[in-house]
């Protein structure tokens, strides 16, 4: 958790470029469904599904 907070504090409010570090400390897992949809599960419990 401390790594997560330190990493976020170092980042600007709006990312100008992709940063793998942010992704790895925020996303717990990605679930690929049979229909091609992907559900991203964040460490805070938020789930976001992206359809094809």
C-alpha atoms as a PDB file:
ATOM      1  CA  UNK A   1       0.000   0.000   0.000  1.00  0.00           C
ATOM      2  CA  UNK A   2       2.860   2.362   0.779  1.00  0.00           C
ATOM      3  CA  UNK A   3       4.332   1.759  -2.692  1.00  0.00           C
ATOM      4  CA  UNK A   4       0.945   2.521  -4.237  1.00  0.00           C
ATOM      5  CA  UNK A   5       0.610   5.826  -2.369  1.00  0.00           C
ATOM      6  CA  UNK A   6       4.202   6.907  -3.082  1.00  0.00           C
ATOM      7  CA  UNK A   7       3.813   6.110  -6.777  1.00  0.00           C
ATOM      8  CA  UNK A   8       0.564   8.063  -7.087  1.00  0.00           C
ATOM      9  CA  UNK A   9       1.972  11.088  -5.260  1.00  0.00           C
ATOM     10  CA  UNK A  10       4.808  11.290  -7.777  1.00  0.00           C
ATOM     11  CA  UNK A  11       2.444  11.422 -10.753  1.00  0.00           C
ATOM     12  CA  UNK A  12       0.798  14.503 -12.269  1.00  0.00           C
ATOM     13  CA  UNK A  13      -3.004  14.632 -12.076  1.00  0.00           C
ATOM     14  CA  UNK A  14      -3.243  14.063 -15.825  1.00  0.00           C
ATOM     15  CA  UNK A  15      -0.833  11.598 -17.372  1.00  0.00           C
ATOM     16  CA  UNK A  16       0.850  12.909 -20.505  1.00  0.00           C
ATOM     17  CA  UNK A  17       2.244   9.511 -21.409  1.00  0.00           C
ATOM     18  CA  UNK A  18       1.658   5.843 -20.567  1.00  0.00           C
ATOM     19  CA  UNK A  19       3.379   4.674 -17.405  1.00  0.00           C
ATOM     20  CA  UNK A  20       3.541   0.945 -16.687  1.00  0.00           C
ATOM     21  CA  UNK A  21       4.246   1.595 -13.010  1.00  0.00           C
ATOM     22  CA  UNK A  22       0.851   3.233 -12.477  1.00  0.00           C
ATOM     23  CA  UNK A  23      -0.897   0.352 -14.213  1.00  0.00           C
ATOM     24  CA  UNK A  24       0.812  -2.334 -12.148  1.00  0.00           C
ATOM     25  CA  UNK A  25       0.043  -0.694  -8.797  1.00  0.00           C
ATOM     26  CA  UNK A  26      -3.604  -0.020  -9.669  1.00  0.00           C
ATOM     27  CA  UNK A  27      -4.852  -3.073 -11.577  1.00  0.00           C
ATOM     28  CA  UNK A  28      -5.189  -6.336  -9.679  1.00  0.00           C
ATOM     29  CA  UNK A  29      -6.186  -8.432 -12.693  1.00  0.00           C
ATOM     30  CA  UNK A  30      -7.780  -8.458 -16.133  1.00  0.00           C
ATOM     31  CA  UNK A  31     -10.392 -11.090 -16.950  1.00  0.00           C
ATOM     32  CA  UNK A  32     -10.850 -11.999 -20.621  1.00  0.00           C
ATOM     33  CA  UNK A  33     -14.335 -13.371 -21.253  1.00  0.00           C
ATOM     34  CA  UNK A  34     -15.277 -15.822 -24.005  1.00  0.00           C
ATOM     35  CA  UNK A  35     -17.164 -13.117 -25.889  1.00  0.00           C
ATOM     36  CA  UNK A  36     -13.974 -11.009 -26.119  1.00  0.00           C
ATOM     37  CA  UNK A  37     -14.946  -8.567 -23.382  1.00  0.00           C
ATOM     38  CA  UNK A  38     -12.227  -7.682 -20.869  1.00  0.00           C
ATOM     39  CA  UNK A  39     -12.965  -6.779 -17.264  1.00  0.00           C
ATOM     40  CA  UNK A  40     -10.265  -4.876 -15.382  1.00  0.00           C
ATOM     41  CA  UNK A  41     -10.392  -5.313 -11.606  1.00  0.00           C
ATOM     42  CA  UNK A  42      -8.636  -2.615  -9.608  1.00  0.00           C
ATOM     43  CA  UNK A  43      -7.206  -3.078  -6.129  1.00  0.00           C
ATOM     44  CA  UNK A  44      -9.889  -0.748  -4.719  1.00  0.00           C
ATOM     45  CA  UNK A  45     -12.609  -3.125  -5.962  1.00  0.00           C
ATOM     46  CA  UNK A  46     -13.663  -1.084  -9.004  1.00  0.00           C
ATOM     47  CA  UNK A  47     -14.444  -3.149 -12.106  1.00  0.00           C
ATOM     48  CA  UNK A  48     -14.471  -1.748 -15.620  1.00  0.00           C
ATOM     49  CA  UNK A  49     -15.538  -3.851 -18.599  1.00  0.00           C
ATOM     50  CA  UNK A  50     -14.481  -3.103 -22.142  1.00  0.00           C
ATOM     51  CA  UNK A  51     -16.363  -4.752 -24.968  1.00  0.00           C
ATOM     52  CA  UNK A  52     -15.138  -5.610 -28.407  1.00  0.00           C
END
